[in-house]
Every structure is written in C-alpha cells, then in structure tokens.
Amino acid sequence: MSGASIPYHLRPNKAIDRYAFLELLSKIDKYCNIESYKYIGFGGHSLEDFKYIHSRFGINNMLSIESNREVYNRQKFNQPHNCIDCLQQSSGEFLNAFQREEETIIWLDYVKPSELRMQIEEFQATISKLESRDIVKITVNFHASSYVASDKSKRSFELQNERINKLKEILGDLFPAAEVIADMMTEKRFTEALCLVIKYAANLTMRGEDNIFFQPLTTFCYADGQNMLTVTGILLKSDEIEAFFNTTNIDKWELSNTKWEKPKRINIPDLTIKERLHIDSQLPNSQAKTIQDNLGFLFDSKESTSLEMLEAYILFYRQSPYFSRILV
C-alpha cells in the first residue's frame, strides 16, 4: 500500500522514524500493555515494520493491508511469522468494513500526494472507529512541487499562491484556512501545512465525540527518495491525560511533539563508520558546532546545511541504524 520499493538499507531517515516509533511505543507501554494490542499496517513486500514490532513487544495479533497483487504475493512468501495475517484489499475497502474489537495500533502509510484528500478522509474514518488508548500513525507525502511544479519564470509569491489554491481545491472543506498560509507553500515549509491539515481533520472528527480526543505525540519529516511527513497520536479521555503523561513522560522526551508544533526534520548525513564513531564519542555532551569544527570538513557545500544535518544526527543518533554487509 505504501508503494515503498527502495531497500531499507538505503532509507536511513525512514529507519530512524521507525525506531523512534518503537521507542514511543515503549514509553506508552508503561501506561498501556502494548503486547495486548492488535497491530494493523501497510507492510509492503518485506513486512519490515511487523518484524520489529513483534520482536520488541511480542504482539501476536497483526494484520497487513495490501492492494497490489504482486506485492501481496511477495508478502505471503516473505511472511516472517505466522501471527501476521496478510489481506489483499485497498485501505478504503478495509476501513469501510473495519470494526474495532480490541485495543489497536494502526499505521496508515501513504505516498501518493494526488490522493491526499482520500488519505485524510481515511485517517478520519480510522479515528472515528477507535476508542480511548488506541494509537494511530499516518504518513503522507509533502512534496510541494507535486501540487504545482516549480517554475523559474514565476515569482515566489505567485508560485505559493498557485500551490495554496491547488491545496484548497484538493482538500475542499478539509482545508484549515485559518491556519495554513501561502508562505508555507515552499518545499521547506510545506510539511508545516500538511501537519496543520492533519490537526484540523483530527479535531473536526473528534468534535462530536464525548470526552475523547486525538492527542499528538510525535511529528517528523524526512526524505529518502520521497518527502514524507509522519504524525503519531493516541486517543485519550480528558481525565486520562495527566496520568498518561505522568506515567510515560512523553511530554518531556526530546523527540515528542504534543502541541502540534513544527515537525522535527530527520536529515542525517551519510556517515562512514569512522566518522560515526568519532562523533558518537563526543555525545551526548558536545554541541554540533564544536563537533563540526573538530572534524575539519563539512557534510554539504554550505556550512549552515552541514550544521543542520549534524544537529539532526545529534538529535536522532540513538535511533540511527547501523547498516553492514554480512554473509548468510
């Protein structure tokens, strides 16, 4: 369903997002028994996320949704554990029939920007069927030029106005006109706009619910061939909030975003083993500028960009994967 065909070892930023999700679930596990949950997601051909979640938490009730016949066939071949059920069905078909029967974690992992309205509607349909303590993660493509392509003949404000009008056209009544502005219609800030769209959709859906709402927990953006925004939250009753945060301490976690603030950008440099070991030896008690000066070289032709990449690595170094070649 996600359409992800790039090998995971070539997608370090997505891997960081995945490991951060596992760390988040570990924190939630202090308040809820994650092992008792049902996990639903778009597993892709390798079911990678399913393997990690089963290994970490022992969840034995898992369901992967996939509409593509050939990807589904690969899933069946690669199925790593017999507790994973693979269903060949579109996400829309699944959600139309879905009835929540137990505590649920669901990851809606999309990539097509042309289907944004449908994706937001499916997100709304999902949370409308869930209950308190259920966990939802949604990933969408935030490539601004997918809506209106960059054009050097146009001034920046003209391009931004065209993009915001296109976004309004696509989203219709799901467009948060009070919050999304034309200045956000750039490649760098478009993620902020889509985050506000998800916030608006969640609040709109939960408005009619009695004493339950969608509490955001993390928001990240990254690029590994595709520019992706990912938002994770939990449904909670108002009288659960204080105990939830007191128990999990997620609001004090450096990777959390519990107030719909600007998404944290995952954009780490491509490090050699020697570079990574050198940087890690100076963490966590050194600043990015000090480390960069000590290295004697930059990770980008622009010093500011190199520093931003190093700052991202310092923020996510504990979640950064090690990839290596092995003989099997």
C-alpha atoms as a PDB file:
ATOM      1  CA  MET A   1       0.000   0.000   0.000  1.00  0.00           C
ATOM      2  CA  SER A   2       2.792   2.413   0.811  1.00  0.00           C
ATOM      3  CA  GLY A   3       4.424   1.759  -2.545  1.00  0.00           C
ATOM      4  CA  ALA A   4       7.833   1.630  -0.887  1.00  0.00           C
ATOM      5  CA  SER A   5      10.234  -0.229  -3.152  1.00  0.00           C
ATOM      6  CA  ILE A   6      13.529   1.350  -2.091  1.00  0.00           C
ATOM      7  CA  PRO A   7      15.542  -1.101   0.059  1.00  0.00           C
ATOM      8  CA  TYR A   8      15.503  -0.241   3.753  1.00  0.00           C
ATOM      9  CA  HIS A   9      19.296  -0.031   3.962  1.00  0.00           C
ATOM     10  CA  LEU A  10      19.073   2.895   1.515  1.00  0.00           C
ATOM     11  CA  ARG A  11      16.477   4.686   3.651  1.00  0.00           C
ATOM     12  CA  PRO A  12      18.229   5.626   6.906  1.00  0.00           C
ATOM     13  CA  ASN A  13      15.854   8.502   7.652  1.00  0.00           C
ATOM     14  CA  LYS A  14      12.801   6.244   7.400  1.00  0.00           C
ATOM     15  CA  ALA A  15      14.606   3.744   9.618  1.00  0.00           C
ATOM     16  CA  ILE A  16      15.071   6.462  12.244  1.00  0.00           C
ATOM     17  CA  ASP A  17      11.361   7.264  12.052  1.00  0.00           C
ATOM     18  CA  ARG A  18      10.619   3.557  12.614  1.00  0.00           C
ATOM     19  CA  TYR A  19      12.976   3.260  15.592  1.00  0.00           C
ATOM     20  CA  ALA A  20      11.527   6.444  17.099  1.00  0.00           C
ATOM     21  CA  PHE A  21       8.074   4.870  16.747  1.00  0.00           C
ATOM     22  CA  LEU A  22       9.279   1.782  18.612  1.00  0.00           C
ATOM     23  CA  GLU A  23      10.729   3.979  21.357  1.00  0.00           C
ATOM     24  CA  LEU A  24       7.434   5.865  21.572  1.00  0.00           C
ATOM     25  CA  LEU A  25       5.507   2.597  21.921  1.00  0.00           C
ATOM     26  CA  SER A  26       7.924   1.540  24.663  1.00  0.00           C
ATOM     27  CA  LYS A  27       7.037   4.676  26.592  1.00  0.00           C
ATOM     28  CA  ILE A  28       3.296   4.148  26.030  1.00  0.00           C
ATOM     29  CA  ASP A  29       3.794   0.569  27.249  1.00  0.00           C
ATOM     30  CA  LYS A  30       4.299   1.974  30.754  1.00  0.00           C
ATOM     31  CA  TYR A  31       0.659   3.119  30.688  1.00  0.00           C
ATOM     32  CA  CYS A  32      -0.884   0.530  28.347  1.00  0.00           C
ATOM     33  CA  ASN A  33       0.026  -3.114  27.767  1.00  0.00           C
ATOM     34  CA  ILE A  34       1.245  -2.889  24.151  1.00  0.00           C
ATOM     35  CA  GLU A  35       1.558  -6.684  23.887  1.00  0.00           C
ATOM     36  CA  SER A  36      -2.234  -6.978  24.095  1.00  0.00           C
ATOM     37  CA  TYR A  37      -2.834  -4.657  21.118  1.00  0.00           C
ATOM     38  CA  LYS A  38      -3.694  -5.535  17.529  1.00  0.00           C
ATOM     39  CA  TYR A  39      -1.272  -4.006  15.019  1.00  0.00           C
ATOM     40  CA  ILE A  40      -2.574  -3.018  11.572  1.00  0.00           C
ATOM     41  CA  GLY A  41      -0.381  -1.531   8.868  1.00  0.00           C
ATOM     42  CA  PHE A  42       0.732  -1.451   5.254  1.00  0.00           C
ATOM     43  CA  GLY A  43       3.590  -3.940   5.471  1.00  0.00           C
ATOM     44  CA  GLY A  44       4.979  -3.709   1.949  1.00  0.00           C
ATOM     45  CA  HIS A  45       6.707  -6.684   0.386  1.00  0.00           C
ATOM     46  CA  SER A  46       9.088  -7.303   3.335  1.00  0.00           C
ATOM     47  CA  LEU A  47       6.755  -6.687   6.318  1.00  0.00           C
ATOM     48  CA  GLU A  48       9.700  -4.956   7.964  1.00  0.00           C
ATOM     49  CA  ASP A  49       7.692  -2.936  10.494  1.00  0.00           C
ATOM     50  CA  PHE A  50       5.800  -6.045  11.560  1.00  0.00           C
ATOM     51  CA  LYS A  51       9.042  -7.897  12.300  1.00  0.00           C
ATOM     52  CA  TYR A  52      10.329  -5.083  14.502  1.00  0.00           C
ATOM     53  CA  ILE A  53       7.084  -4.610  16.421  1.00  0.00           C
ATOM     54  CA  HIS A  54       6.578  -8.333  17.021  1.00  0.00           C
ATOM     55  CA  SER A  55      10.192  -8.723  18.151  1.00  0.00           C
ATOM     56  CA  ARG A  56      10.080  -5.733  20.525  1.00  0.00           C
ATOM     57  CA  PHE A  57       6.633  -6.183  22.090  1.00  0.00           C
ATOM     58  CA  GLY A  58       5.536  -9.733  21.349  1.00  0.00           C
ATOM     59  CA  ILE A  59       2.315  -8.640  19.639  1.00  0.00           C
ATOM     60  CA  ASN A  60       0.743 -11.772  18.152  1.00  0.00           C
ATOM     61  CA  ASN A  61      -2.300 -10.185  16.520  1.00  0.00           C
ATOM     62  CA  MET A  62      -1.122  -8.453  13.336  1.00  0.00           C
ATOM     63  CA  LEU A  63      -2.740  -7.551  10.024  1.00  0.00           C
ATOM     64  CA  SER A  64      -1.127  -6.187   6.861  1.00  0.00           C
ATOM     65  CA  ILE A  65      -3.257  -4.490   4.188  1.00  0.00           C
ATOM     66  CA  GLU A  66      -2.058  -4.517   0.570  1.00  0.00           C
ATOM     67  CA  SER A  67      -3.948  -3.745  -2.639  1.00  0.00           C
ATOM     68  CA  ASN A  68      -1.251  -4.679  -5.177  1.00  0.00           C
ATOM     69  CA  ARG A  69      -1.473  -8.350  -6.145  1.00  0.00           C
ATOM     70  CA  GLU A  70       2.246  -8.877  -6.769  1.00  0.00           C
ATOM     71  CA  VAL A  71       3.283  -7.100  -3.551  1.00  0.00           C
ATOM     72  CA  TYR A  72       0.728  -9.225  -1.698  1.00  0.00           C
ATOM     73  CA  ASN A  73       2.253 -12.380  -3.220  1.00  0.00           C
ATOM     74  CA  ARG A  74       5.698 -11.270  -2.067  1.00  0.00           C
ATOM     75  CA  GLN A  75       4.291 -10.655   1.424  1.00  0.00           C
ATOM     76  CA  LYS A  76       2.973 -14.190   1.581  1.00  0.00           C
ATOM     77  CA  PHE A  77       6.376 -15.518   0.527  1.00  0.00           C
ATOM     78  CA  ASN A  78       8.334 -13.291   2.933  1.00  0.00           C
ATOM     79  CA  GLN A  79       5.918 -13.668   5.853  1.00  0.00           C
ATOM     80  CA  PRO A  80       8.341 -13.843   8.821  1.00  0.00           C
ATOM     81  CA  HIS A  81       5.857 -15.010  11.484  1.00  0.00           C
ATOM     82  CA  ASN A  82       2.569 -16.888  11.305  1.00  0.00           C
ATOM     83  CA  CYS A  83       0.908 -14.322  13.604  1.00  0.00           C
ATOM     84  CA  ILE A  84       0.833 -11.868  10.664  1.00  0.00           C
ATOM     85  CA  ASP A  85      -2.307 -12.069   8.537  1.00  0.00           C
ATOM     86  CA  CYS A  86      -1.947 -10.631   5.025  1.00  0.00           C
ATOM     87  CA  LEU A  87      -5.060  -9.208   3.392  1.00  0.00           C
ATOM     88  CA  GLN A  88      -5.265  -8.213  -0.271  1.00  0.00           C
ATOM     89  CA  GLN A  89      -7.550  -5.215  -0.126  1.00  0.00           C
ATOM     90  CA  SER A  90      -7.409  -1.458  -0.570  1.00  0.00           C
ATOM     91  CA  SER A  91      -7.186   0.652   2.560  1.00  0.00           C
ATOM     92  CA  GLY A  92     -10.571   2.194   1.767  1.00  0.00           C
ATOM     93  CA  GLU A  93     -12.259  -1.191   1.451  1.00  0.00           C
ATOM     94  CA  PHE A  94     -10.671  -2.338   4.679  1.00  0.00           C
ATOM     95  CA  LEU A  95     -11.659   0.767   6.644  1.00  0.00           C
ATOM     96  CA  ASN A  96     -15.246   0.659   5.369  1.00  0.00           C
ATOM     97  CA  ALA A  97     -15.628  -2.810   6.870  1.00  0.00           C
ATOM     98  CA  PHE A  98     -13.349  -2.311   9.884  1.00  0.00           C
ATOM     99  CA  GLN A  99     -14.881  -2.755  13.329  1.00  0.00           C
ATOM    100  CA  ARG A 100     -12.686  -2.158  16.348  1.00  0.00           C
ATOM    101  CA  GLU A 101     -12.793  -5.195  18.648  1.00  0.00           C
ATOM    102  CA  GLU A 102      -9.640  -4.777  20.739  1.00  0.00           C
ATOM    103  CA  GLU A 103      -7.000  -2.191  21.602  1.00  0.00           C
ATOM    104  CA  THR A 104      -5.469  -1.159  18.299  1.00  0.00           C
ATOM    105  CA  ILE A 105      -2.338   0.341  16.791  1.00  0.00           C
ATOM    106  CA  ILE A 106      -2.785   1.325  13.143  1.00  0.00           C
ATOM    107  CA  TRP A 107      -0.236   2.844  10.769  1.00  0.00           C
ATOM    108  CA  LEU A 108      -1.623   4.444   7.599  1.00  0.00           C
ATOM    109  CA  ASP A 109       1.493   4.686   5.408  1.00  0.00           C
ATOM    110  CA  TYR A 110       0.737   6.628   2.209  1.00  0.00           C
ATOM    111  CA  VAL A 111       2.982   8.034  -0.538  1.00  0.00           C
ATOM    112  CA  LYS A 112       0.770   9.458  -3.324  1.00  0.00           C
ATOM    113  CA  PRO A 113       0.252  13.247  -2.944  1.00  0.00           C
ATOM    114  CA  SER A 114      -2.520  13.153  -5.583  1.00  0.00           C
ATOM    115  CA  GLU A 115      -4.676  11.132  -3.161  1.00  0.00           C
ATOM    116  CA  LEU A 116      -4.254  13.465  -0.173  1.00  0.00           C
ATOM    117  CA  ARG A 117      -7.964  14.127   0.364  1.00  0.00           C
ATOM    118  CA  MET A 118      -8.755  10.399   0.313  1.00  0.00           C
ATOM    119  CA  GLN A 119      -5.897   9.761   2.739  1.00  0.00           C
ATOM    120  CA  ILE A 120      -7.120  12.412   5.183  1.00  0.00           C
ATOM    121  CA  GLU A 121     -10.655  11.039   4.933  1.00  0.00           C
ATOM    122  CA  GLU A 122      -9.353   7.533   5.693  1.00  0.00           C
ATOM    123  CA  PHE A 123      -7.472   8.946   8.683  1.00  0.00           C
ATOM    124  CA  GLN A 124     -10.724  10.493   9.888  1.00  0.00           C
ATOM    125  CA  ALA A 125     -12.643   7.255   9.310  1.00  0.00           C
ATOM    126  CA  THR A 126      -9.995   5.397  11.304  1.00  0.00           C
ATOM    127  CA  ILE A 127     -10.018   7.566  14.409  1.00  0.00           C
ATOM    128  CA  SER A 128     -13.823   7.767  14.352  1.00  0.00           C
ATOM    129  CA  LYS A 129     -13.941   3.977  14.825  1.00  0.00           C
ATOM    130  CA  LEU A 130     -11.316   3.759  17.554  1.00  0.00           C
ATOM    131  CA  GLU A 131     -11.545   4.183  21.309  1.00  0.00           C
ATOM    132  CA  SER A 132      -9.519   5.569  24.174  1.00  0.00           C
ATOM    133  CA  ARG A 133      -5.865   4.397  24.315  1.00  0.00           C
ATOM    134  CA  ASP A 134      -5.824   3.327  20.642  1.00  0.00           C
ATOM    135  CA  ILE A 135      -2.776   4.566  18.710  1.00  0.00           C
ATOM    136  CA  VAL A 136      -2.736   5.973  15.160  1.00  0.00           C
ATOM    137  CA  LYS A 137       0.172   6.870  12.908  1.00  0.00           C
ATOM    138  CA  ILE A 138      -0.249   8.483   9.488  1.00  0.00           C
ATOM    139  CA  THR A 139       2.454   9.104   6.876  1.00  0.00           C
ATOM    140  CA  VAL A 140       1.827  11.347   3.836  1.00  0.00           C
ATOM    141  CA  ASN A 141       3.928  12.823   1.017  1.00  0.00           C
ATOM    142  CA  PHE A 142       4.735  16.529   1.489  1.00  0.00           C
ATOM    143  CA  HIS A 143       6.428  17.341  -1.833  1.00  0.00           C
ATOM    144  CA  ALA A 144       5.080  20.822  -2.647  1.00  0.00           C
ATOM    145  CA  SER A 145       6.007  20.624  -6.326  1.00  0.00           C
ATOM    146  CA  SER A 146       3.744  17.575  -6.661  1.00  0.00           C
ATOM    147  CA  TYR A 147       0.822  20.003  -6.447  1.00  0.00           C
ATOM    148  CA  VAL A 148       2.261  22.822  -8.584  1.00  0.00           C
ATOM    149  CA  ALA A 149       5.693  22.314 -10.143  1.00  0.00           C
ATOM    150  CA  SER A 150       8.463  24.841  -9.557  1.00  0.00           C
ATOM    151  CA  ASP A 151       8.753  27.421 -12.337  1.00  0.00           C
ATOM    152  CA  LYS A 152      11.691  29.846 -12.508  1.00  0.00           C
ATOM    153  CA  SER A 153       9.654  32.216 -14.671  1.00  0.00           C
ATOM    154  CA  LYS A 154       7.265  32.847 -11.776  1.00  0.00           C
ATOM    155  CA  ARG A 155       7.951  34.974  -8.747  1.00  0.00           C
ATOM    156  CA  SER A 156       7.903  33.098  -5.449  1.00  0.00           C
ATOM    157  CA  PHE A 157       4.654  34.633  -4.197  1.00  0.00           C
ATOM    158  CA  GLU A 158       2.891  33.687  -7.448  1.00  0.00           C
ATOM    159  CA  LEU A 159       4.002  30.067  -7.143  1.00  0.00           C
ATOM    160  CA  GLN A 160       2.991  29.954  -3.475  1.00  0.00           C
ATOM    161  CA  ASN A 161      -0.456  31.345  -4.250  1.00  0.00           C
ATOM    162  CA  GLU A 162      -0.950  28.764  -7.002  1.00  0.00           C
ATOM    163  CA  ARG A 163       0.015  25.976  -4.611  1.00  0.00           C
ATOM    164  CA  ILE A 164      -2.254  27.097  -1.805  1.00  0.00           C
ATOM    165  CA  ASN A 165      -5.157  27.411  -4.229  1.00  0.00           C
ATOM    166  CA  LYS A 166      -4.429  23.907  -5.530  1.00  0.00           C
ATOM    167  CA  LEU A 167      -4.319  22.559  -1.973  1.00  0.00           C
ATOM    168  CA  LYS A 168      -7.662  24.242  -1.227  1.00  0.00           C
ATOM    169  CA  GLU A 169      -9.111  22.687  -4.378  1.00  0.00           C
ATOM    170  CA  ILE A 170      -7.920  19.197  -3.416  1.00  0.00           C
ATOM    171  CA  LEU A 171      -8.962  19.353   0.244  1.00  0.00           C
ATOM    172  CA  GLY A 172     -12.189  21.333  -0.021  1.00  0.00           C
ATOM    173  CA  ASP A 173     -13.836  21.582   3.393  1.00  0.00           C
ATOM    174  CA  LEU A 174     -10.832  19.797   4.957  1.00  0.00           C
ATOM    175  CA  PHE A 175      -8.590  22.803   4.282  1.00  0.00           C
ATOM    176  CA  PRO A 176      -7.804  24.741   7.516  1.00  0.00           C
ATOM    177  CA  ALA A 177      -8.000  28.247   6.046  1.00  0.00           C
ATOM    178  CA  ALA A 178      -7.416  29.907   9.418  1.00  0.00           C
ATOM    179  CA  GLU A 179      -4.002  28.294   9.892  1.00  0.00           C
ATOM    180  CA  VAL A 180      -2.421  27.376   6.533  1.00  0.00           C
ATOM    181  CA  ILE A 181      -0.906  30.389   4.753  1.00  0.00           C
ATOM    182  CA  ALA A 182       0.763  30.950   1.382  1.00  0.00           C
ATOM    183  CA  ASP A 183       4.211  31.332   2.975  1.00  0.00           C
ATOM    184  CA  MET A 184       4.039  27.612   3.851  1.00  0.00           C
ATOM    185  CA  MET A 185       3.837  26.618   0.180  1.00  0.00           C
ATOM    186  CA  THR A 186       7.586  26.038  -0.180  1.00  0.00           C
ATOM    187  CA  GLU A 187       9.450  22.727  -0.165  1.00  0.00           C
ATOM    188  CA  LYS A 188      10.920  23.540   3.242  1.00  0.00           C
ATOM    189  CA  ARG A 189       7.685  24.615   4.959  1.00  0.00           C
ATOM    190  CA  PHE A 190       5.072  22.506   3.174  1.00  0.00           C
ATOM    191  CA  THR A 191       5.367  19.907   5.920  1.00  0.00           C
ATOM    192  CA  GLU A 192       4.010  22.506   8.375  1.00  0.00           C
ATOM    193  CA  ALA A 193       0.934  22.986   6.209  1.00  0.00           C
ATOM    194  CA  LEU A 194       0.157  19.269   5.970  1.00  0.00           C
ATOM    195  CA  CYS A 195       0.676  18.864   9.713  1.00  0.00           C
ATOM    196  CA  LEU A 196      -1.986  21.544  10.266  1.00  0.00           C
ATOM    197  CA  VAL A 197      -4.276  19.745   7.803  1.00  0.00           C
ATOM    198  CA  ILE A 198      -3.984  16.553   9.873  1.00  0.00           C
ATOM    199  CA  LYS A 199      -4.584  18.527  13.079  1.00  0.00           C
ATOM    200  CA  TYR A 200      -7.708  20.135  11.593  1.00  0.00           C
ATOM    201  CA  ALA A 201      -9.032  16.787  10.336  1.00  0.00           C
ATOM    202  CA  ALA A 202      -8.485  15.128  13.727  1.00  0.00           C
ATOM    203  CA  ASN A 203     -10.169  17.944  15.641  1.00  0.00           C
ATOM    204  CA  LEU A 204     -13.052  18.012  13.169  1.00  0.00           C
ATOM    205  CA  THR A 205     -13.630  14.271  13.558  1.00  0.00           C
ATOM    206  CA  MET A 206     -13.409  14.232  17.338  1.00  0.00           C
ATOM    207  CA  ARG A 207     -15.617  17.308  17.770  1.00  0.00           C
ATOM    208  CA  GLY A 208     -18.745  15.203  18.082  1.00  0.00           C
ATOM    209  CA  GLU A 209     -17.183  12.667  20.448  1.00  0.00           C
ATOM    210  CA  ASP A 210     -17.960  12.758  24.136  1.00  0.00           C
ATOM    211  CA  ASN A 211     -14.877  13.438  26.264  1.00  0.00           C
ATOM    212  CA  ILE A 212     -12.311  11.858  23.903  1.00  0.00           C
ATOM    213  CA  PHE A 213      -9.784  13.483  21.608  1.00  0.00           C
ATOM    214  CA  PHE A 214      -6.714  12.831  19.446  1.00  0.00           C
ATOM    215  CA  GLN A 215      -3.520  13.664  21.353  1.00  0.00           C
ATOM    216  CA  PRO A 216      -0.465  14.152  19.086  1.00  0.00           C
ATOM    217  CA  LEU A 217       2.756  12.586  20.362  1.00  0.00           C
ATOM    218  CA  THR A 218       5.355  12.897  17.583  1.00  0.00           C
ATOM    219  CA  THR A 219       5.627  14.621  14.192  1.00  0.00           C
ATOM    220  CA  PHE A 220       8.613  14.013  11.904  1.00  0.00           C
ATOM    221  CA  CYS A 221       9.508  14.811   8.314  1.00  0.00           C
ATOM    222  CA  TYR A 222      12.229  13.180   6.239  1.00  0.00           C
ATOM    223  CA  ALA A 223      13.305  12.405   2.682  1.00  0.00           C
ATOM    224  CA  ASP A 224      14.659   9.112   1.336  1.00  0.00           C
ATOM    225  CA  GLY A 225      13.668   9.459  -2.300  1.00  0.00           C
ATOM    226  CA  GLN A 226      10.244  10.732  -1.180  1.00  0.00           C
ATOM    227  CA  ASN A 227       9.475  13.668   1.128  1.00  0.00           C
ATOM    228  CA  MET A 228       7.369  12.264   3.958  1.00  0.00           C
ATOM    229  CA  LEU A 229       5.526  13.694   6.962  1.00  0.00           C
ATOM    230  CA  THR A 230       4.544  11.330   9.742  1.00  0.00           C
ATOM    231  CA  VAL A 231       2.254  12.073  12.700  1.00  0.00           C
ATOM    232  CA  THR A 232       1.589   9.696  15.593  1.00  0.00           C
ATOM    233  CA  GLY A 233      -1.037  10.202  18.263  1.00  0.00           C
ATOM    234  CA  ILE A 234      -3.200   8.440  20.800  1.00  0.00           C
ATOM    235  CA  LEU A 235      -6.887   8.730  21.582  1.00  0.00           C
ATOM    236  CA  LEU A 236      -7.417   9.728  25.203  1.00  0.00           C
ATOM    237  CA  LYS A 237     -10.192  10.836  27.503  1.00  0.00           C
ATOM    238  CA  SER A 238      -9.650  14.185  29.188  1.00  0.00           C
ATOM    239  CA  ASP A 239      -9.421  12.571  32.626  1.00  0.00           C
ATOM    240  CA  GLU A 240      -6.638  10.246  31.378  1.00  0.00           C
ATOM    241  CA  ILE A 241      -4.248  12.905  30.114  1.00  0.00           C
ATOM    242  CA  GLU A 242      -2.486  13.813  33.337  1.00  0.00           C
ATOM    243  CA  ALA A 243      -1.920  10.187  34.348  1.00  0.00           C
ATOM    244  CA  PHE A 244      -0.781   9.297  30.803  1.00  0.00           C
ATOM    245  CA  PHE A 245       1.962  11.928  30.725  1.00  0.00           C
ATOM    246  CA  ASN A 246       2.956  11.425  34.372  1.00  0.00           C
ATOM    247  CA  THR A 247       3.441   7.712  33.680  1.00  0.00           C
ATOM    248  CA  THR A 248       5.077   7.859  30.247  1.00  0.00           C
ATOM    249  CA  ASN A 249       6.969  11.192  30.468  1.00  0.00           C
ATOM    250  CA  ILE A 250       6.461  11.522  26.703  1.00  0.00           C
ATOM    251  CA  ASP A 251       5.917  15.281  27.058  1.00  0.00           C
ATOM    252  CA  LYS A 252       9.491  15.513  28.449  1.00  0.00           C
ATOM    253  CA  TRP A 253      11.010  13.339  25.685  1.00  0.00           C
ATOM    254  CA  GLU A 254      13.259  15.271  23.290  1.00  0.00           C
ATOM    255  CA  LEU A 255      11.537  13.737  20.235  1.00  0.00           C
ATOM    256  CA  SER A 256       7.954  14.422  21.292  1.00  0.00           C
ATOM    257  CA  ASN A 257       5.580  16.965  19.806  1.00  0.00           C
ATOM    258  CA  THR A 258       2.448  17.093  21.947  1.00  0.00           C
ATOM    259  CA  LYS A 259       1.176  20.548  20.893  1.00  0.00           C
ATOM    260  CA  TRP A 260       1.156  20.406  17.073  1.00  0.00           C
ATOM    261  CA  GLU A 261       4.367  22.401  16.796  1.00  0.00           C
ATOM    262  CA  LYS A 262       6.676  22.402  13.771  1.00  0.00           C
ATOM    263  CA  PRO A 263       7.627  18.815  12.790  1.00  0.00           C
ATOM    264  CA  LYS A 264      11.149  17.666  13.643  1.00  0.00           C
ATOM    265  CA  ARG A 265      13.200  17.114  10.488  1.00  0.00           C
ATOM    266  CA  ILE A 266      15.154  13.862  10.115  1.00  0.00           C
ATOM    267  CA  ASN A 267      18.028  14.603   7.759  1.00  0.00           C
ATOM    268  CA  ILE A 268      21.224  12.948   8.937  1.00  0.00           C
ATOM    269  CA  PRO A 269      24.495  12.996   6.968  1.00  0.00           C
ATOM    270  CA  ASP A 270      25.774   9.877   5.218  1.00  0.00           C
ATOM    271  CA  LEU A 271      28.494   8.921   7.691  1.00  0.00           C
ATOM    272  CA  THR A 272      31.353   6.478   7.315  1.00  0.00           C
ATOM    273  CA  ILE A 273      31.923   4.132  10.244  1.00  0.00           C
ATOM    274  CA  LYS A 274      34.978   6.138  11.313  1.00  0.00           C
ATOM    275  CA  GLU A 275      33.017   9.411  11.177  1.00  0.00           C
ATOM    276  CA  ARG A 276      30.140   7.995  13.178  1.00  0.00           C
ATOM    277  CA  LEU A 277      32.374   6.507  15.881  1.00  0.00           C
ATOM    278  CA  HIS A 278      34.237   9.811  16.166  1.00  0.00           C
ATOM    279  CA  ILE A 279      31.010  11.831  16.505  1.00  0.00           C
ATOM    280  CA  ASP A 280      29.400   9.337  18.898  1.00  0.00           C
ATOM    281  CA  SER A 281      32.450   9.507  21.169  1.00  0.00           C
ATOM    282  CA  GLN A 282      31.667  13.194  21.730  1.00  0.00           C
ATOM    283  CA  LEU A 283      27.985  12.689  22.515  1.00  0.00           C
ATOM    284  CA  PRO A 284      25.776  13.500  24.290  1.00  0.00           C
ATOM    285  CA  ASN A 285      27.704  16.368  25.885  1.00  0.00           C
ATOM    286  CA  SER A 286      29.024  18.317  22.885  1.00  0.00           C
ATOM    287  CA  GLN A 287      27.448  20.907  20.597  1.00  0.00           C
ATOM    288  CA  ALA A 288      27.129  20.426  16.832  1.00  0.00           C
ATOM    289  CA  LYS A 289      29.287  23.472  16.025  1.00  0.00           C
ATOM    290  CA  THR A 290      32.119  22.192  18.222  1.00  0.00           C
ATOM    291  CA  ILE A 291      31.981  18.741  16.620  1.00  0.00           C
ATOM    292  CA  GLN A 292      31.895  20.178  13.097  1.00  0.00           C
ATOM    293  CA  ASP A 293      34.881  22.413  13.806  1.00  0.00           C
ATOM    294  CA  ASN A 294      36.804  19.450  15.198  1.00  0.00           C
ATOM    295  CA  LEU A 295      36.039  17.292  12.146  1.00  0.00           C
ATOM    296  CA  GLY A 296      37.724  19.732   9.790  1.00  0.00           C
ATOM    297  CA  PHE A 297      35.276  19.181   6.912  1.00  0.00           C
ATOM    298  CA  LEU A 298      31.616  19.744   6.002  1.00  0.00           C
ATOM    299  CA  PHE A 299      28.841  17.317   5.029  1.00  0.00           C
ATOM    300  CA  ASP A 300      27.477  19.832   2.500  1.00  0.00           C
ATOM    301  CA  SER A 301      28.912  22.626   0.405  1.00  0.00           C
ATOM    302  CA  LYS A 302      27.046  25.101   2.626  1.00  0.00           C
ATOM    303  CA  GLU A 303      28.255  25.286   6.227  1.00  0.00           C
ATOM    304  CA  SER A 304      24.752  26.048   7.557  1.00  0.00           C
ATOM    305  CA  THR A 305      23.267  22.959   5.855  1.00  0.00           C
ATOM    306  CA  SER A 306      26.092  20.782   7.136  1.00  0.00           C
ATOM    307  CA  LEU A 307      25.469  22.062  10.649  1.00  0.00           C
ATOM    308  CA  GLU A 308      21.736  21.358  10.353  1.00  0.00           C
ATOM    309  CA  MET A 309      22.484  17.772   9.272  1.00  0.00           C
ATOM    310  CA  LEU A 310      24.873  17.301  12.184  1.00  0.00           C
ATOM    311  CA  GLU A 311      22.303  18.741  14.598  1.00  0.00           C
ATOM    312  CA  ALA A 312      19.748  16.262  13.231  1.00  0.00           C
ATOM    313  CA  TYR A 313      22.166  13.396  13.795  1.00  0.00           C
ATOM    314  CA  ILE A 314      22.797  14.537  17.379  1.00  0.00           C
ATOM    315  CA  LEU A 315      19.032  14.581  17.997  1.00  0.00           C
ATOM    316  CA  PHE A 316      18.472  11.134  16.456  1.00  0.00           C
ATOM    317  CA  TYR A 317      21.811   9.344  16.952  1.00  0.00           C
ATOM    318  CA  ARG A 318      20.308   6.809  19.377  1.00  0.00           C
ATOM    319  CA  GLN A 319      17.698   5.853  16.753  1.00  0.00           C
ATOM    320  CA  SER A 320      20.129   5.869  13.808  1.00  0.00           C
ATOM    321  CA  PRO A 321      20.620   2.387  12.306  1.00  0.00           C
ATOM    322  CA  TYR A 322      23.877   0.605  11.549  1.00  0.00           C
ATOM    323  CA  PHE A 323      23.888  -0.999   8.101  1.00  0.00           C
ATOM    324  CA  SER A 324      26.564  -3.508   7.128  1.00  0.00           C
ATOM    325  CA  ARG A 325      27.172  -6.268   4.608  1.00  0.00           C
ATOM    326  CA  ILE A 326      27.032  -9.799   6.024  1.00  0.00           C
ATOM    327  CA  LEU A 327      27.424 -13.337   4.659  1.00  0.00           C
ATOM    328  CA  VAL A 328      24.394 -15.606   5.140  1.00  0.00           C
END
